[in-house]
Protein backbone atom coordinates (compact mmCIF):
# COMPACT_ATOMS: atom_id res chain seq x y z
CA MET A 1 152.31 -5.36 -105.15
CA SER A 2 153.47 -8.96 -105.47
CA ASP A 3 151.44 -11.60 -107.29
CA SER A 4 150.55 -13.23 -103.97
CA GLU A 5 149.09 -9.94 -102.74
CA ALA A 6 147.23 -9.06 -105.96
CA LYS A 7 143.46 -8.83 -105.80
CA PRO A 8 141.69 -11.73 -107.51
CA SER A 9 140.26 -11.07 -110.95
CA THR A 10 136.47 -11.11 -111.41
CA VAL A 11 135.32 -14.08 -113.50
CA ILE A 12 132.72 -13.15 -116.15
CA ASN A 13 130.34 -15.59 -117.81
CA GLU A 14 128.86 -13.33 -120.49
CA SER A 15 130.12 -12.49 -123.96
CA ILE A 16 132.11 -9.24 -123.90
CA SER A 17 133.23 -7.11 -126.86
CA LEU A 18 136.95 -6.91 -127.57
CA ALA A 19 136.92 -3.13 -127.03
CA ARG A 20 135.55 -3.60 -123.51
CA LEU A 21 137.88 -6.51 -122.77
CA HIS A 22 140.96 -4.63 -124.01
CA GLY A 23 140.20 -1.53 -121.94
CA GLU A 24 139.36 0.63 -124.96
CA ALA A 25 135.71 1.11 -123.92
CA CYS A 26 133.83 1.35 -120.64
CA PHE A 27 133.27 -2.17 -119.31
CA GLY A 28 129.82 -1.17 -118.00
CA CYS A 29 128.24 0.64 -120.96
CA GLY A 30 130.70 0.37 -123.85
CA SER A 31 131.28 4.14 -124.09
CA VAL A 32 134.45 5.22 -125.86
CA ALA A 33 133.83 8.97 -125.81
CA SER A 34 133.90 9.44 -122.05
CA THR A 35 136.95 9.80 -119.84
CA LEU A 36 137.76 6.27 -118.72
CA TYR A 37 139.25 5.15 -115.40
CA ALA A 38 140.89 1.90 -114.32
CA ALA A 39 138.33 -0.48 -112.83
CA GLY A 40 140.24 -3.64 -111.96
CA THR A 41 140.56 -6.86 -113.90
CA VAL A 42 138.34 -9.61 -115.30
CA THR A 43 138.87 -13.15 -116.55
CA PRO A 44 136.39 -14.68 -119.02
CA ALA A 45 134.98 -18.00 -117.73
CA GLY A 46 137.07 -20.97 -118.82
CA ARG A 47 140.08 -18.77 -119.64
CA HIS A 48 143.25 -18.00 -117.73
CA ARG A 49 144.19 -14.58 -119.08
CA VAL A 50 143.48 -11.59 -116.85
CA TRP A 51 142.32 -8.42 -118.66
CA PRO A 52 142.49 -4.90 -117.18
CA ILE A 53 139.19 -3.05 -117.62
CA VAL A 54 138.11 0.60 -117.50
CA THR A 55 134.90 2.41 -116.59
CA CYS A 56 133.34 5.82 -117.18
CA GLY A 57 131.64 5.55 -113.77
CA CYS A 58 128.24 4.58 -115.23
CA ARG A 59 127.72 1.53 -113.01
CA PRO A 60 128.82 1.50 -109.36
CA ASP A 61 128.98 -2.30 -109.46
CA VAL A 62 131.78 -2.21 -112.05
CA THR A 63 134.21 -0.90 -109.44
CA ALA A 64 134.01 0.23 -105.84
CA ALA A 65 135.73 3.46 -106.81
CA ALA A 66 133.47 4.23 -109.78
CA GLY A 67 131.76 6.95 -107.76
CA LEU A 68 135.19 8.56 -107.32
CA PRO A 69 136.53 8.58 -110.90
CA TRP A 70 139.60 10.61 -109.86
CA LEU A 71 140.74 7.91 -107.42
CA PRO A 72 143.60 5.84 -108.92
CA PRO A 73 143.61 2.05 -108.89
CA ASP A 74 145.76 0.12 -106.42
CA GLY A 75 149.48 0.43 -107.00
CA THR A 76 149.41 3.73 -108.92
CA VAL A 77 149.22 7.46 -108.24
CA TRP A 78 147.53 10.04 -110.45
CA THR A 79 148.06 13.75 -110.81
CA VAL A 80 144.54 15.20 -110.71
CA GLY A 81 143.54 18.75 -111.62
CA ALA A 82 141.89 20.60 -108.75
CA GLY A 83 138.78 22.63 -109.48
CA GLU A 84 136.81 19.90 -111.25
CA HIS A 85 135.85 17.30 -108.62
CA TRP A 86 137.15 19.25 -105.61
CA ASP A 87 139.53 22.01 -104.55
CA ALA A 88 142.29 21.30 -102.05
CA VAL A 89 144.00 23.22 -99.28
CA ARG A 90 147.70 22.50 -98.76
CA VAL A 91 148.68 22.66 -95.10
CA PRO A 92 151.86 21.90 -93.08
CA TYR A 93 151.47 18.61 -91.23
CA SER A 94 151.46 20.08 -87.71
CA LEU A 95 148.69 22.57 -88.51
CA GLY A 96 146.68 20.07 -90.54
CA ARG A 97 146.90 17.24 -88.02
CA SER A 98 145.59 19.55 -85.30
CA ALA A 99 142.71 20.60 -87.59
CA VAL A 100 141.83 16.96 -88.40
CA GLU A 101 141.60 16.19 -84.69
CA ALA A 102 139.51 19.32 -84.02
CA MET A 103 137.01 18.48 -86.79
CA SER A 104 136.85 14.77 -85.95
CA ASP A 105 134.02 13.18 -87.98
CA GLY A 106 133.36 16.49 -89.77
CA CYS A 107 136.63 16.12 -91.68
CA GLY A 108 136.56 14.85 -95.26
CA ALA A 109 139.33 13.13 -97.20
CA VAL A 110 142.92 14.18 -96.45
CA ILE A 111 146.04 13.24 -98.42
CA SER A 112 149.28 12.99 -96.44
CA ASP A 113 152.72 13.34 -98.00
CA SER A 114 155.04 11.87 -95.38
CA TRP A 115 158.21 13.02 -97.15
CA SER A 116 157.32 16.71 -97.37
CA ARG A 117 155.20 16.71 -94.17
CA ILE A 118 152.26 18.26 -96.05
CA LEU A 119 148.53 17.49 -95.87
CA TYR A 120 145.97 18.20 -98.60
CA PHE A 121 142.37 18.68 -97.45
CA LEU A 122 139.86 18.05 -100.24
CA THR A 123 137.18 20.77 -100.18
CA THR A 124 134.29 21.90 -102.34
CA VAL A 125 135.03 23.36 -105.77
CA GLY A 126 135.46 27.14 -105.47
CA THR A 127 136.99 27.07 -101.98
CA SER A 128 140.30 28.36 -103.32
CA ASP A 129 138.67 31.61 -104.48
CA GLY A 130 139.43 34.16 -101.77
CA TRP A 131 141.01 31.60 -99.42
CA SER A 132 143.37 33.30 -96.97
CA VAL A 133 144.52 31.36 -93.93
CA GLN A 134 148.06 31.88 -92.66
CA GLY A 135 150.39 29.00 -93.45
CA THR A 136 148.09 27.37 -96.04
CA VAL A 137 147.96 27.30 -99.84
CA PRO A 138 144.68 26.98 -101.78
CA CYS A 139 144.70 24.60 -104.76
CA GLY A 140 142.03 25.34 -107.35
CA VAL A 141 141.81 25.51 -111.14
CA THR A 142 145.30 25.35 -112.77
CA THR A 143 146.65 23.40 -109.77
CA TYR A 144 147.35 19.68 -109.72
CA VAL A 145 147.36 17.38 -106.70
CA THR A 146 149.04 13.97 -106.62
CA VAL A 147 146.44 11.45 -105.45
CA PRO A 148 147.39 8.07 -103.93
CA PRO A 149 145.39 4.84 -104.21
CA LEU A 150 143.41 3.63 -101.22
CA ASN A 151 145.97 0.89 -100.52
CA ALA A 152 148.98 3.27 -100.28
CA ASN A 153 151.49 2.69 -97.47
CA ASP A 154 151.81 5.15 -94.60
CA ASP A 155 155.51 5.77 -95.30
CA GLY A 156 154.89 7.71 -98.53
CA LEU A 157 151.99 9.50 -100.18
CA HIS A 158 148.84 8.05 -98.55
CA TRP A 159 145.38 8.86 -97.20
CA LEU A 160 145.30 10.21 -93.66
CA ARG A 161 141.48 10.09 -94.03
CA GLU A 162 140.25 7.95 -96.91
CA PRO A 163 137.53 9.23 -99.22
CA THR A 164 134.24 7.38 -99.40
CA ALA A 165 131.28 7.97 -101.68
CA ALA A 166 129.56 9.68 -98.72
CA ARG A 167 132.58 11.63 -97.43
CA VAL A 168 134.97 13.25 -99.87
CA VAL A 169 135.17 16.98 -99.11
CA THR A 170 135.53 18.95 -95.90
CA ASP A 171 133.18 21.88 -95.40
CA PRO A 172 135.35 24.96 -96.10
CA VAL A 173 133.88 26.99 -93.22
CA LYS A 174 134.68 24.22 -90.71
CA LEU A 175 138.13 23.77 -92.23
CA ARG A 176 138.88 27.50 -92.05
CA THR A 177 137.73 27.64 -88.41
CA ALA A 178 139.85 24.63 -87.42
CA LEU A 179 142.92 25.90 -89.29
CA VAL A 180 142.66 29.42 -87.87
CA ALA A 181 142.46 27.96 -84.35
CA SER A 182 145.42 25.63 -85.04
CA THR A 183 147.43 28.47 -86.56
CA ALA A 184 146.82 30.73 -83.54
CA VAL A 185 148.04 28.01 -81.19
CA ILE A 186 151.04 26.81 -83.24
CA LEU A 187 152.19 29.96 -85.09
CA GLY A 188 150.75 32.66 -82.85
CA PRO A 189 148.05 35.20 -83.70
CA ARG A 190 148.14 36.86 -87.10
CA THR A 191 149.02 40.50 -87.05
CA GLU A 192 148.54 42.94 -89.90
CA ARG A 193 151.58 44.73 -91.26
CA PRO A 194 151.50 48.49 -91.32
CA ALA A 195 150.78 49.91 -94.77
């Protein structure tokens, strides 16, 4: 992101500890023991230097993404372990796109990898246990998913459906139903192999 496109820094008028200002403690509560996530930048009043800050998610007003602590800041990607905040289901683009359209507003956040033509549906933790839908791969504990920022471009890793505090995961039953229907249309019905 160029300097002309960078988001403006928040100007603060209060006295802030050096640990908070240097990103070594949560900007909201001062915690150093919690996992900390990027929360933007601040500039003390009357100063010119811009300081990156972090948050533990204690105060939603510290950052818009504080409610989604696994969501990376603009301009970065993070590799996030599935099974803690959500599970994911990896799906070929053609099957996944059809499922997104079938679920419409019932679909949660979906990551799209334009290069590999893969979609990742974020689902509730535990979905990967016993998941079995032809052409899909469940991603649970011991699996990592590369997560883009909200401002990612459509030509690389990006959000097909952005997460919001109110809509992160897709109901696994609805997702399974939509994917089974898409699979039957695109790949044909599933037949069992003789034992």
